[in-house]
Amino acid sequence: MPNQDTQFTHFEPYPIVEGEEYMNDAQKDHFRKILLAWKQELMEEVDRTVNHLQEDATNFADPSDRASQEEEFSLELRTRDRERKLINKIGKAMDTIDEDDYGYCNACGVEIGIRRLEARPTATLCIDCKTLAEIKEKQLGI
C-alpha cells in the first residue's frame, strides 16, 4: 500500500464477493486492521527516530561534519513530520469507519472502491473527483 513516504505492504487483499454489500462489517474490519497496522508501523518509526537522534547526536569539531549531521537530522525530522500528518489522516479514516462514512467520496458520495482504498486507505475522494481536483490544481498553479 503505497503512501507519501512509507511503504506498507503486509496485508492480504480483501476477497471481493459478487453481490456483496459495499462497506459491510467484514470490509470495515479489513480496513480497520490495515489502518491500525499502518499507524503502528509509523509510530515505531517515530520511536526509532527519537532513539537515533538521542544516540547519534555528536558535537563534531569539524564544521562540515556538524553540518552533515544537522542536515541528516533535519531531513529525518521533516520525514517524521509528514508521517505525523499521515497518522492524523489515519485517525480521521478510523473515525469515518466508526461513523459508517468510510469508503465514500467526500465530494460526490459515490463508492471509492475496495482496491483504491487498499492502495490508499486514507483516500477521501473517488478517482474521478481526485483526477478533477488535480486538473484544477494544475490549472491554478497550486
N, C-alpha and C. Protein backbone atom coordinates (compact mmCIF):
# COMPACT_ATOMS: atom_id res chain seq x y z
N MET A 1 0.85 -1.16 0.00
CA MET A 1 0.00 0.00 0.00
C MET A 1 0.90 1.22 0.00
N PRO A 2 1.09 1.86 -1.13
CA PRO A 2 1.98 3.00 -1.19
C PRO A 2 1.37 4.23 -0.54
N ASN A 3 2.22 5.05 0.00
CA ASN A 3 1.78 6.35 0.52
C ASN A 3 2.89 7.35 0.29
N GLN A 4 2.79 8.51 0.90
CA GLN A 4 3.74 9.57 0.63
C GLN A 4 5.18 9.17 0.92
N ASP A 5 5.44 8.56 2.03
CA ASP A 5 6.82 8.31 2.43
C ASP A 5 7.10 6.87 2.86
N THR A 6 6.11 6.18 3.29
CA THR A 6 6.32 4.87 3.88
C THR A 6 5.65 3.82 3.02
N GLN A 7 6.26 2.66 2.93
CA GLN A 7 5.68 1.56 2.18
C GLN A 7 5.13 0.53 3.16
N PHE A 8 3.83 0.34 3.12
CA PHE A 8 3.18 -0.63 3.99
C PHE A 8 2.56 -1.68 3.09
N THR A 9 2.99 -2.93 3.22
CA THR A 9 2.52 -3.94 2.28
C THR A 9 2.10 -5.24 2.96
N HIS A 10 1.95 -5.27 4.25
CA HIS A 10 1.69 -6.51 4.97
C HIS A 10 0.20 -6.76 5.17
N PHE A 11 -0.53 -7.00 4.10
CA PHE A 11 -1.94 -7.34 4.24
C PHE A 11 -2.37 -8.19 3.06
N GLU A 12 -3.39 -8.96 3.28
CA GLU A 12 -3.99 -9.76 2.21
C GLU A 12 -5.09 -8.93 1.57
N PRO A 13 -5.13 -8.86 0.24
CA PRO A 13 -6.23 -8.13 -0.40
C PRO A 13 -7.57 -8.73 0.00
N TYR A 14 -8.55 -7.87 0.10
CA TYR A 14 -9.88 -8.32 0.50
C TYR A 14 -10.48 -9.17 -0.62
N PRO A 15 -11.00 -10.36 -0.28
CA PRO A 15 -11.62 -11.21 -1.31
C PRO A 15 -13.04 -10.72 -1.63
N ILE A 16 -13.18 -9.93 -2.67
CA ILE A 16 -14.47 -9.36 -3.04
C ILE A 16 -15.39 -10.48 -3.54
N VAL A 17 -16.60 -10.48 -3.01
CA VAL A 17 -17.61 -11.47 -3.39
C VAL A 17 -18.68 -10.78 -4.22
N GLU A 18 -19.04 -11.38 -5.35
CA GLU A 18 -20.08 -10.84 -6.23
C GLU A 18 -21.36 -10.58 -5.43
N GLY A 19 -21.93 -9.40 -5.57
CA GLY A 19 -23.19 -9.07 -4.92
C GLY A 19 -23.07 -8.68 -3.45
N GLU A 20 -21.85 -8.63 -2.96
CA GLU A 20 -21.61 -8.29 -1.55
C GLU A 20 -21.92 -6.81 -1.31
N GLU A 21 -22.52 -6.49 -0.18
CA GLU A 21 -22.81 -5.11 0.17
C GLU A 21 -21.50 -4.35 0.38
N TYR A 22 -21.43 -3.14 -0.19
CA TYR A 22 -20.23 -2.31 -0.06
C TYR A 22 -20.10 -1.80 1.38
N MET A 23 -18.90 -1.84 1.89
CA MET A 23 -18.52 -1.43 3.24
C MET A 23 -19.36 -2.13 4.30
N ASN A 24 -19.47 -3.43 4.14
CA ASN A 24 -20.10 -4.26 5.17
C ASN A 24 -19.13 -4.41 6.34
N ASP A 25 -19.53 -5.11 7.37
CA ASP A 25 -18.69 -5.24 8.57
C ASP A 25 -17.34 -5.89 8.28
N ALA A 26 -17.33 -6.90 7.39
CA ALA A 26 -16.07 -7.58 7.07
C ALA A 26 -15.10 -6.62 6.37
N GLN A 27 -15.61 -5.81 5.46
CA GLN A 27 -14.76 -4.83 4.77
C GLN A 27 -14.26 -3.76 5.74
N LYS A 28 -15.14 -3.29 6.61
CA LYS A 28 -14.72 -2.29 7.60
C LYS A 28 -13.64 -2.86 8.51
N ASP A 29 -13.80 -4.11 8.93
CA ASP A 29 -12.78 -4.75 9.76
C ASP A 29 -11.46 -4.87 9.02
N HIS A 30 -11.55 -5.21 7.72
CA HIS A 30 -10.35 -5.32 6.88
C HIS A 30 -9.58 -4.00 6.87
N PHE A 31 -10.28 -2.90 6.64
CA PHE A 31 -9.61 -1.60 6.58
C PHE A 31 -9.19 -1.11 7.95
N ARG A 32 -9.95 -1.44 8.96
CA ARG A 32 -9.54 -1.07 10.33
C ARG A 32 -8.20 -1.73 10.66
N LYS A 33 -8.05 -3.02 10.30
CA LYS A 33 -6.78 -3.73 10.55
C LYS A 33 -5.63 -3.12 9.76
N ILE A 34 -5.89 -2.79 8.51
CA ILE A 34 -4.85 -2.16 7.68
C ILE A 34 -4.41 -0.83 8.30
N LEU A 35 -5.38 0.00 8.65
CA LEU A 35 -5.07 1.33 9.20
C LEU A 35 -4.35 1.22 10.55
N LEU A 36 -4.79 0.31 11.40
CA LEU A 36 -4.13 0.15 12.70
C LEU A 36 -2.69 -0.34 12.54
N ALA A 37 -2.48 -1.30 11.64
CA ALA A 37 -1.13 -1.81 11.42
C ALA A 37 -0.23 -0.72 10.83
N TRP A 38 -0.77 0.05 9.92
CA TRP A 38 -0.01 1.14 9.29
C TRP A 38 0.37 2.18 10.33
N LYS A 39 -0.60 2.53 11.17
CA LYS A 39 -0.33 3.51 12.24
C LYS A 39 0.74 2.97 13.18
N GLN A 40 0.66 1.71 13.54
CA GLN A 40 1.65 1.09 14.43
C GLN A 40 3.04 1.16 13.82
N GLU A 41 3.13 0.87 12.51
CA GLU A 41 4.41 0.95 11.81
C GLU A 41 4.99 2.36 11.88
N LEU A 42 4.14 3.34 11.64
CA LEU A 42 4.59 4.73 11.67
C LEU A 42 5.03 5.14 13.07
N MET A 43 4.29 4.69 14.08
CA MET A 43 4.64 5.03 15.47
C MET A 43 5.99 4.40 15.84
N GLU A 44 6.24 3.19 15.39
CA GLU A 44 7.53 2.54 15.66
C GLU A 44 8.66 3.30 14.98
N GLU A 45 8.39 3.82 13.79
CA GLU A 45 9.40 4.61 13.08
C GLU A 45 9.71 5.90 13.84
N VAL A 46 8.68 6.50 14.42
CA VAL A 46 8.89 7.70 15.25
C VAL A 46 9.79 7.36 16.43
N ASP A 47 9.53 6.24 17.10
CA ASP A 47 10.36 5.83 18.24
C ASP A 47 11.81 5.60 17.81
N ARG A 48 11.99 4.97 16.64
CA ARG A 48 13.36 4.74 16.14
C ARG A 48 14.07 6.06 15.88
N THR A 49 13.33 7.03 15.36
CA THR A 49 13.93 8.34 15.08
C THR A 49 14.36 9.02 16.37
N VAL A 50 13.51 9.00 17.35
CA VAL A 50 13.85 9.63 18.64
C VAL A 50 15.12 8.99 19.20
N ASN A 51 15.17 7.66 19.19
CA ASN A 51 16.36 6.97 19.69
C ASN A 51 17.59 7.32 18.87
N HIS A 52 17.43 7.38 17.55
CA HIS A 52 18.55 7.70 16.68
C HIS A 52 19.08 9.12 16.97
N LEU A 53 18.16 10.06 17.11
CA LEU A 53 18.59 11.44 17.36
C LEU A 53 19.28 11.57 18.71
N GLN A 54 18.81 10.82 19.71
CA GLN A 54 19.43 10.88 21.04
C GLN A 54 20.78 10.19 21.05
N GLU A 55 20.87 9.03 20.42
CA GLU A 55 22.10 8.24 20.48
C GLU A 55 23.19 8.76 19.56
N ASP A 56 22.79 9.29 18.41
CA ASP A 56 23.80 9.68 17.42
C ASP A 56 24.14 11.17 17.44
N ALA A 57 23.56 11.92 18.36
CA ALA A 57 23.87 13.34 18.44
C ALA A 57 25.30 13.50 18.97
N THR A 58 26.15 13.96 18.08
CA THR A 58 27.56 14.16 18.43
C THR A 58 27.92 15.60 18.12
N ASN A 59 28.70 16.19 18.99
CA ASN A 59 29.16 17.55 18.76
C ASN A 59 30.48 17.48 18.02
N PHE A 60 30.39 17.46 16.68
CA PHE A 60 31.60 17.36 15.87
C PHE A 60 32.39 18.66 15.91
N ALA A 61 33.71 18.52 15.97
CA ALA A 61 34.58 19.70 15.94
C ALA A 61 34.62 20.28 14.53
N ASP A 62 34.60 19.41 13.55
CA ASP A 62 34.67 19.85 12.16
C ASP A 62 33.31 20.41 11.71
N PRO A 63 33.28 21.65 11.24
CA PRO A 63 32.02 22.26 10.82
C PRO A 63 31.31 21.48 9.70
N SER A 64 32.07 20.88 8.81
CA SER A 64 31.46 20.10 7.71
C SER A 64 30.75 18.87 8.25
N ASP A 65 31.37 18.19 9.21
CA ASP A 65 30.75 17.01 9.82
C ASP A 65 29.49 17.41 10.59
N ARG A 66 29.58 18.52 11.31
CA ARG A 66 28.43 19.00 12.08
C ARG A 66 27.29 19.38 11.13
N ALA A 67 27.62 20.05 10.02
CA ALA A 67 26.59 20.45 9.04
C ALA A 67 25.95 19.22 8.40
N SER A 68 26.74 18.21 8.11
CA SER A 68 26.19 16.98 7.53
C SER A 68 25.22 16.31 8.49
N GLN A 69 25.61 16.25 9.78
CA GLN A 69 24.74 15.63 10.78
C GLN A 69 23.45 16.43 10.94
N GLU A 70 23.57 17.75 10.97
CA GLU A 70 22.39 18.59 11.12
C GLU A 70 21.45 18.44 9.92
N GLU A 71 22.01 18.33 8.73
CA GLU A 71 21.19 18.13 7.53
C GLU A 71 20.49 16.77 7.57
N GLU A 72 21.20 15.74 8.01
CA GLU A 72 20.60 14.41 8.15
C GLU A 72 19.46 14.44 9.15
N PHE A 73 19.67 15.07 10.29
CA PHE A 73 18.63 15.16 11.32
C PHE A 73 17.44 15.97 10.81
N SER A 74 17.72 17.06 10.09
CA SER A 74 16.66 17.90 9.56
C SER A 74 15.79 17.11 8.57
N LEU A 75 16.42 16.36 7.70
CA LEU A 75 15.69 15.54 6.73
C LEU A 75 14.84 14.49 7.45
N GLU A 76 15.41 13.88 8.46
CA GLU A 76 14.69 12.87 9.23
C GLU A 76 13.48 13.48 9.95
N LEU A 77 13.65 14.66 10.50
CA LEU A 77 12.55 15.33 11.20
C LEU A 77 11.45 15.77 10.24
N ARG A 78 11.82 16.20 9.04
CA ARG A 78 10.79 16.56 8.04
C ARG A 78 9.99 15.32 7.64
N THR A 79 10.69 14.20 7.48
CA THR A 79 10.00 12.95 7.15
C THR A 79 9.04 12.56 8.27
N ARG A 80 9.50 12.67 9.51
CA ARG A 80 8.63 12.33 10.64
C ARG A 80 7.44 13.27 10.71
N ASP A 81 7.62 14.54 10.34
CA ASP A 81 6.52 15.49 10.36
C ASP A 81 5.46 15.08 9.33
N ARG A 82 5.89 14.67 8.14
CA ARG A 82 4.94 14.18 7.13
C ARG A 82 4.23 12.94 7.65
N GLU A 83 4.97 12.07 8.34
CA GLU A 83 4.35 10.87 8.89
C GLU A 83 3.38 11.20 10.02
N ARG A 84 3.68 12.23 10.78
CA ARG A 84 2.76 12.68 11.84
C ARG A 84 1.44 13.12 11.22
N LYS A 85 1.52 13.86 10.12
CA LYS A 85 0.31 14.27 9.41
C LYS A 85 -0.43 13.05 8.88
N LEU A 86 0.32 12.07 8.41
CA LEU A 86 -0.30 10.84 7.91
C LEU A 86 -0.99 10.09 9.04
N ILE A 87 -0.39 10.07 10.21
CA ILE A 87 -1.01 9.42 11.38
C ILE A 87 -2.35 10.11 11.70
N ASN A 88 -2.39 11.44 11.57
CA ASN A 88 -3.65 12.17 11.78
C ASN A 88 -4.70 11.76 10.74
N LYS A 89 -4.27 11.60 9.48
CA LYS A 89 -5.19 11.16 8.43
C LYS A 89 -5.71 9.76 8.72
N ILE A 90 -4.84 8.91 9.22
CA ILE A 90 -5.24 7.55 9.58
C ILE A 90 -6.30 7.61 10.68
N GLY A 91 -6.09 8.47 11.66
CA GLY A 91 -7.06 8.64 12.74
C GLY A 91 -8.41 9.10 12.21
N LYS A 92 -8.39 10.04 11.26
CA LYS A 92 -9.64 10.52 10.67
C LYS A 92 -10.33 9.41 9.88
N ALA A 93 -9.54 8.60 9.18
CA ALA A 93 -10.10 7.47 8.43
C ALA A 93 -10.75 6.48 9.39
N MET A 94 -10.09 6.23 10.53
CA MET A 94 -10.66 5.32 11.53
C MET A 94 -11.99 5.89 12.06
N ASP A 95 -12.04 7.20 12.25
CA ASP A 95 -13.29 7.83 12.70
C ASP A 95 -14.40 7.62 11.69
N THR A 96 -14.07 7.75 10.38
CA THR A 96 -15.11 7.58 9.37
C THR A 96 -15.59 6.13 9.30
N ILE A 97 -14.72 5.18 9.63
CA ILE A 97 -15.17 3.78 9.71
C ILE A 97 -16.19 3.66 10.83
N ASP A 98 -15.87 4.24 11.97
CA ASP A 98 -16.78 4.18 13.13
C ASP A 98 -18.11 4.88 12.85
N GLU A 99 -18.07 5.90 12.00
CA GLU A 99 -19.29 6.67 11.68
C GLU A 99 -20.01 6.12 10.45
N ASP A 100 -19.52 5.01 9.91
CA ASP A 100 -20.10 4.38 8.70
C ASP A 100 -20.03 5.28 7.47
N ASP A 101 -19.03 6.16 7.41
CA ASP A 101 -18.84 7.02 6.24
C ASP A 101 -17.62 6.62 5.42
N TYR A 102 -16.86 5.67 5.90
CA TYR A 102 -15.61 5.28 5.23
C TYR A 102 -15.91 4.65 3.87
N GLY A 103 -15.09 5.01 2.90
CA GLY A 103 -15.19 4.38 1.59
C GLY A 103 -16.08 5.13 0.61
N TYR A 104 -16.61 6.27 1.02
CA TYR A 104 -17.46 7.07 0.14
C TYR A 104 -16.79 8.41 -0.13
N CYS A 105 -16.89 8.86 -1.36
CA CYS A 105 -16.26 10.11 -1.79
C CYS A 105 -16.85 11.30 -1.05
N ASN A 106 -15.97 12.14 -0.51
CA ASN A 106 -16.41 13.35 0.20
C ASN A 106 -17.03 14.39 -0.73
N ALA A 107 -16.68 14.32 -2.03
CA ALA A 107 -17.18 15.32 -2.97
C ALA A 107 -18.51 14.92 -3.60
N CYS A 108 -18.63 13.66 -4.04
CA CYS A 108 -19.84 13.27 -4.78
C CYS A 108 -20.63 12.15 -4.11
N GLY A 109 -20.05 11.50 -3.11
CA GLY A 109 -20.77 10.48 -2.36
C GLY A 109 -20.75 9.07 -2.93
N VAL A 110 -20.10 8.87 -4.08
CA VAL A 110 -20.07 7.51 -4.64
C VAL A 110 -19.03 6.66 -3.91
N GLU A 111 -19.10 5.36 -4.14
CA GLU A 111 -18.14 4.43 -3.54
C GLU A 111 -16.74 4.69 -4.10
N ILE A 112 -15.77 4.77 -3.22
CA ILE A 112 -14.39 4.96 -3.64
C ILE A 112 -13.85 3.67 -4.25
N GLY A 113 -14.20 2.54 -3.67
CA GLY A 113 -13.77 1.26 -4.21
C GLY A 113 -12.76 0.57 -3.30
N ILE A 114 -12.91 -0.73 -3.17
CA ILE A 114 -12.06 -1.53 -2.28
C ILE A 114 -10.60 -1.46 -2.70
N ARG A 115 -10.31 -1.68 -3.97
CA ARG A 115 -8.90 -1.72 -4.42
C ARG A 115 -8.24 -0.35 -4.29
N ARG A 116 -8.96 0.72 -4.59
CA ARG A 116 -8.39 2.07 -4.41
C ARG A 116 -8.08 2.31 -2.94
N LEU A 117 -9.00 1.91 -2.06
CA LEU A 117 -8.77 2.09 -0.63
C LEU A 117 -7.62 1.22 -0.13
N GLU A 118 -7.44 0.05 -0.71
CA GLU A 118 -6.29 -0.76 -0.32
C GLU A 118 -4.98 -0.10 -0.77
N ALA A 119 -5.03 0.59 -1.91
CA ALA A 119 -3.84 1.30 -2.40
C ALA A 119 -3.58 2.56 -1.58
N ARG A 120 -4.65 3.23 -1.18
CA ARG A 120 -4.54 4.46 -0.38
C ARG A 120 -5.67 4.48 0.63
N PRO A 121 -5.45 3.85 1.79
CA PRO A 121 -6.52 3.71 2.79
C PRO A 121 -7.05 5.01 3.36
N THR A 122 -6.33 6.11 3.17
CA THR A 122 -6.79 7.40 3.67
C THR A 122 -7.50 8.21 2.59
N ALA A 123 -7.75 7.61 1.43
CA ALA A 123 -8.40 8.32 0.32
C ALA A 123 -9.79 8.80 0.75
N THR A 124 -10.09 10.02 0.37
CA THR A 124 -11.40 10.59 0.70
C THR A 124 -12.17 10.97 -0.57
N LEU A 125 -11.53 10.81 -1.73
CA LEU A 125 -12.18 11.14 -3.00
C LEU A 125 -12.13 9.93 -3.92
N CYS A 126 -13.19 9.77 -4.72
CA CYS A 126 -13.18 8.73 -5.75
C CYS A 126 -12.16 9.15 -6.81
N ILE A 127 -11.81 8.22 -7.68
CA ILE A 127 -10.77 8.51 -8.67
C ILE A 127 -11.17 9.66 -9.59
N ASP A 128 -12.45 9.75 -9.95
CA ASP A 128 -12.89 10.83 -10.84
C ASP A 128 -12.76 12.20 -10.17
N CYS A 129 -13.21 12.32 -8.93
CA CYS A 129 -13.11 13.60 -8.22
C CYS A 129 -11.66 13.95 -7.93
N LYS A 130 -10.82 12.96 -7.62
CA LYS A 130 -9.41 13.22 -7.37
C LYS A 130 -8.73 13.71 -8.65
N THR A 131 -9.04 13.08 -9.77
CA THR A 131 -8.47 13.50 -11.06
C THR A 131 -8.89 14.92 -11.37
N LEU A 132 -10.17 15.23 -11.18
CA LEU A 132 -10.67 16.58 -11.42
C LEU A 132 -9.97 17.60 -10.52
N ALA A 133 -9.79 17.26 -9.24
CA ALA A 133 -9.11 18.16 -8.31
C ALA A 133 -7.67 18.41 -8.74
N GLU A 134 -6.99 17.36 -9.23
CA GLU A 134 -5.60 17.52 -9.68
C GLU A 134 -5.52 18.39 -10.93
N ILE A 135 -6.49 18.25 -11.84
CA ILE A 135 -6.53 19.10 -13.02
C ILE A 135 -6.72 20.56 -12.63
N LYS A 136 -7.64 20.81 -11.69
CA LYS A 136 -7.88 22.18 -11.22
C LYS A 136 -6.63 22.75 -10.57
N GLU A 137 -5.95 21.93 -9.75
CA GLU A 137 -4.70 22.40 -9.11
C GLU A 137 -3.67 22.78 -10.15
N LYS A 138 -3.54 21.95 -11.17
CA LYS A 138 -2.56 22.21 -12.22
C LYS A 138 -2.89 23.50 -12.96
N GLN A 139 -4.18 23.71 -13.26
CA GLN A 139 -4.60 24.91 -13.98
C GLN A 139 -4.40 26.17 -13.13
N LEU A 140 -4.62 26.05 -11.83
CA LEU A 140 -4.46 27.21 -10.94
C LEU A 140 -3.02 27.39 -10.49
N GLY A 141 -2.17 26.41 -10.80
CA GLY A 141 -0.77 26.50 -10.41
C GLY A 141 -0.53 26.37 -8.93
N ILE A 142 -1.37 25.61 -8.25
CA ILE A 142 -1.25 25.43 -6.80
C ILE A 142 -0.15 24.46 -6.51
